[in-house]
Amino acid sequence: MDLFIDTHLNDVIIMLSKNGKIIKQKIVKDEKENSKIIMPLIKKVLNKAIPESIIVVNGPGSFTGVRLGVTIAKTLAYTLKIPIRTISSLECLAVSLPNEEKIVAFSDNNGYYIGIFNKESLIGNYEYLSNSEFEKYSQKHPVTTNIELDYNKIIAYALSKETQNPHEVNPLYIKKIDVEK
């Protein structure tokens, strides 16, 4: 069984899959205190089962949300001595769309995270654009937003990726904080 953890925005998504198919899930929408609910949700989903591997969405997204999910996933993988894999939030979007070449994006309060993909392969780098920059960009490029995620495809794709040493799993931050600007 594989434990899937996604906290890259305000939602907390915890799933348990077997052979790439979801067998149990808990999703809490628009949660403001992810740190208080994530461990009880993981405990409920696992229900005393021990996962064989962990998949974590490592960003980009909310700084605190990404850091929380990655830290918990790393800790579980290390203490349970099980493999860990990462998938980016933008890869999740790309995997959920059938077309081969695609530009996917999702927003936070101040702008948009963008990735350009050929199938599931990233072309170039992820970008973060302010709302006004995104408006101009999307007038020239066919960007897909509001994508319904297909978690069975996402988990199957993530399971095809290489496992990582838990100590080498890091959050994926794209957006610069005010001090870096």
Protein backbone atom coordinates (compact mmCIF):
# COMPACT_ATOMS: atom_id res chain seq x y z
CA MET A 1 0.00 0.00 0.00
CA ASP A 2 1.13 3.51 -0.80
CA LEU A 3 0.39 6.63 1.25
CA PHE A 4 -0.23 9.82 -0.77
CA ILE A 5 0.12 13.21 0.96
CA ASP A 6 -0.78 16.57 -0.58
CA THR A 7 -0.83 19.80 1.41
CA HIS A 8 0.49 22.23 -1.21
CA LEU A 9 -2.43 24.65 -0.82
CA ASN A 10 -5.27 24.93 1.72
CA ASP A 11 -6.62 21.42 1.11
CA VAL A 12 -5.30 18.39 2.95
CA ILE A 13 -5.45 15.27 0.78
CA ILE A 14 -4.46 11.92 2.25
CA MET A 15 -4.96 8.73 0.25
CA LEU A 16 -4.05 5.10 0.54
CA SER A 17 -3.65 3.12 -2.66
CA LYS A 18 -3.00 -0.48 -3.50
CA ASN A 19 -1.61 -1.45 -6.90
CA GLY A 20 -2.07 2.15 -8.05
CA LYS A 21 -5.78 2.30 -7.15
CA ILE A 22 -7.17 4.40 -4.32
CA ILE A 23 -8.68 2.30 -1.56
CA LYS A 24 -9.18 4.96 1.10
CA GLN A 25 -9.06 8.75 1.21
CA LYS A 26 -9.66 11.75 3.40
CA ILE A 27 -9.91 15.21 1.85
CA VAL A 28 -10.42 18.36 3.90
CA LYS A 29 -11.09 21.47 1.79
CA ASP A 30 -9.96 24.99 2.62
CA GLU A 31 -8.41 24.08 5.95
CA LYS A 32 -6.60 26.92 7.68
CA GLU A 33 -4.87 24.80 10.32
CA ASN A 34 -3.36 21.92 8.33
CA SER A 35 -0.83 21.18 11.05
CA LYS A 36 -3.57 20.24 13.50
CA ILE A 37 -5.45 17.84 11.24
CA ILE A 38 -2.87 16.13 9.02
CA MET A 39 -1.61 13.48 11.46
CA PRO A 40 -5.11 12.48 12.66
CA LEU A 41 -6.16 12.17 8.97
CA ILE A 42 -3.15 10.00 8.17
CA LYS A 43 -3.93 7.83 11.18
CA LYS A 44 -7.57 7.43 10.04
CA VAL A 45 -6.59 6.56 6.48
CA LEU A 46 -3.95 4.05 7.55
CA ASN A 47 -6.14 2.48 10.25
CA LYS A 48 -3.17 0.56 11.71
CA ALA A 49 -1.86 -0.45 8.26
CA ILE A 50 1.78 0.29 7.51
CA PRO A 51 2.38 1.76 4.06
CA GLU A 52 4.98 0.22 1.77
CA SER A 53 5.88 3.59 0.28
CA ILE A 54 5.02 7.29 0.44
CA ILE A 55 4.21 9.76 -2.33
CA VAL A 56 4.29 13.44 -1.42
CA VAL A 57 3.42 16.52 -3.43
CA ASN A 58 6.51 18.64 -2.82
CA GLY A 59 5.27 21.92 -4.32
CA PRO A 60 5.16 24.48 -5.61
CA GLY A 61 2.42 26.05 -3.53
CA SER A 62 1.91 27.45 -0.07
CA PHE A 63 5.25 27.74 1.70
CA THR A 64 3.89 26.40 4.98
CA GLY A 65 1.64 23.78 3.37
CA VAL A 66 4.42 22.34 1.22
CA ARG A 67 6.88 22.34 4.10
CA LEU A 68 4.38 20.56 6.37
CA GLY A 69 3.55 17.77 3.92
CA VAL A 70 7.16 17.18 2.92
CA THR A 71 8.40 17.12 6.53
CA ILE A 72 5.78 14.60 7.62
CA ALA A 73 6.36 12.40 4.54
CA LYS A 74 10.14 12.44 5.07
CA THR A 75 9.77 11.62 8.75
CA LEU A 76 7.42 8.70 8.06
CA ALA A 77 9.60 7.34 5.26
CA TYR A 78 12.73 7.55 7.40
CA THR A 79 11.24 6.07 10.58
CA LEU A 80 9.34 3.30 8.76
CA LYS A 81 12.32 2.64 6.44
CA ILE A 82 10.11 2.78 3.34
CA PRO A 83 10.65 4.38 -0.08
CA ILE A 84 9.51 7.92 -0.76
CA ARG A 85 8.68 9.55 -4.10
CA THR A 86 7.85 13.14 -4.94
CA ILE A 87 5.54 14.63 -7.51
CA SER A 88 5.09 18.34 -8.09
CA SER A 89 1.70 19.99 -7.90
CA LEU A 90 2.09 21.03 -11.55
CA GLU A 91 2.96 17.46 -12.57
CA CYS A 92 -0.32 16.41 -10.91
CA LEU A 93 -2.15 18.81 -13.23
CA ALA A 94 -0.24 17.65 -16.32
CA VAL A 95 -0.82 13.96 -15.59
CA SER A 96 -4.56 14.60 -15.23
CA LEU A 97 -4.85 16.07 -18.76
CA PRO A 98 -4.94 13.81 -21.83
CA ASN A 99 -3.30 16.13 -24.37
CA GLU A 100 0.40 15.76 -25.06
CA GLU A 101 1.63 19.37 -25.08
CA LYS A 102 0.11 21.54 -22.41
CA ILE A 103 0.64 24.59 -20.27
CA VAL A 104 -0.91 24.11 -16.83
CA ALA A 105 -1.37 26.61 -14.03
CA PHE A 106 -2.98 27.14 -10.66
CA SER A 107 -3.32 30.27 -8.61
CA ASP A 108 -2.81 31.55 -5.12
CA ASN A 109 -3.86 34.98 -3.88
CA ASN A 110 -1.14 36.89 -5.72
CA GLY A 111 -0.48 35.02 -8.95
CA TYR A 112 -0.08 31.75 -10.84
CA TYR A 113 2.30 28.81 -10.80
CA ILE A 114 2.90 27.66 -14.39
CA GLY A 115 4.50 24.63 -16.01
CA ILE A 116 4.87 23.67 -19.66
CA PHE A 117 4.76 19.93 -20.35
CA ASN A 118 5.08 17.47 -23.19
CA LYS A 119 3.06 14.56 -21.83
CA GLU A 120 4.34 14.42 -18.24
CA SER A 121 7.80 15.82 -19.00
CA LEU A 122 8.50 19.37 -17.91
CA ILE A 123 9.81 21.67 -20.63
CA GLY A 124 12.01 24.38 -19.14
CA ASN A 125 11.39 25.51 -15.58
CA TYR A 126 8.38 26.21 -13.44
CA GLU A 127 7.45 29.88 -13.19
CA TYR A 128 5.46 32.10 -10.90
CA LEU A 129 3.67 35.05 -12.48
CA SER A 130 1.80 37.84 -10.74
CA ASN A 131 -1.89 38.14 -11.62
CA SER A 132 -1.19 40.95 -14.12
CA GLU A 133 1.73 39.05 -15.70
CA PHE A 134 -0.45 35.93 -15.98
CA GLU A 135 -3.23 37.89 -17.67
CA LYS A 136 -0.81 39.03 -20.39
CA TYR A 137 0.80 35.58 -20.66
CA SER A 138 -2.53 33.75 -20.98
CA GLN A 139 -3.61 36.03 -23.85
CA LYS A 140 -0.68 34.71 -25.90
CA HIS A 141 -0.52 31.09 -24.68
CA PRO A 142 -3.21 28.39 -24.20
CA VAL A 143 -3.02 27.88 -20.44
CA THR A 144 -5.26 25.30 -18.75
CA THR A 145 -6.42 26.06 -15.21
CA ASN A 146 -9.16 24.54 -13.03
CA ILE A 147 -8.14 21.00 -13.88
CA GLU A 148 -10.00 18.14 -12.25
CA LEU A 149 -7.31 15.96 -10.75
CA ASP A 150 -7.29 12.24 -11.55
CA TYR A 151 -5.66 10.82 -8.44
CA ASN A 152 -5.50 7.26 -9.78
CA LYS A 153 -3.40 8.54 -12.72
CA ILE A 154 -1.35 10.77 -10.43
CA ILE A 155 -0.52 7.93 -8.05
CA ALA A 156 0.25 5.50 -10.89
CA TYR A 157 2.56 8.06 -12.47
CA ALA A 158 4.28 8.86 -9.17
CA LEU A 159 4.87 5.16 -8.54
CA SER A 160 6.73 4.95 -11.87
CA LYS A 161 9.23 7.55 -10.64
CA GLU A 162 12.51 6.80 -8.87
CA THR A 163 12.46 6.55 -5.10
CA GLN A 164 14.52 9.04 -3.14
CA ASN A 165 16.50 9.06 0.04
CA PRO A 166 14.21 10.80 2.57
CA HIS A 167 17.05 13.14 3.52
CA GLU A 168 17.24 14.36 -0.09
CA VAL A 169 13.53 15.15 -0.47
CA ASN A 170 13.02 18.89 -0.40
CA PRO A 171 10.14 21.30 -0.89
CA LEU A 172 9.91 22.87 -4.33
CA TYR A 173 9.63 26.62 -3.93
CA ILE A 174 9.16 28.83 -6.99
CA LYS A 175 7.71 32.06 -5.69
CA LYS A 176 10.18 34.54 -4.30
CA ILE A 177 9.51 35.97 -0.89
CA ASP A 178 9.56 39.75 -0.48
CA VAL A 179 13.15 39.77 0.80
CA GLU A 180 14.37 38.04 -2.39
CA LYS A 181 12.66 40.49 -4.77
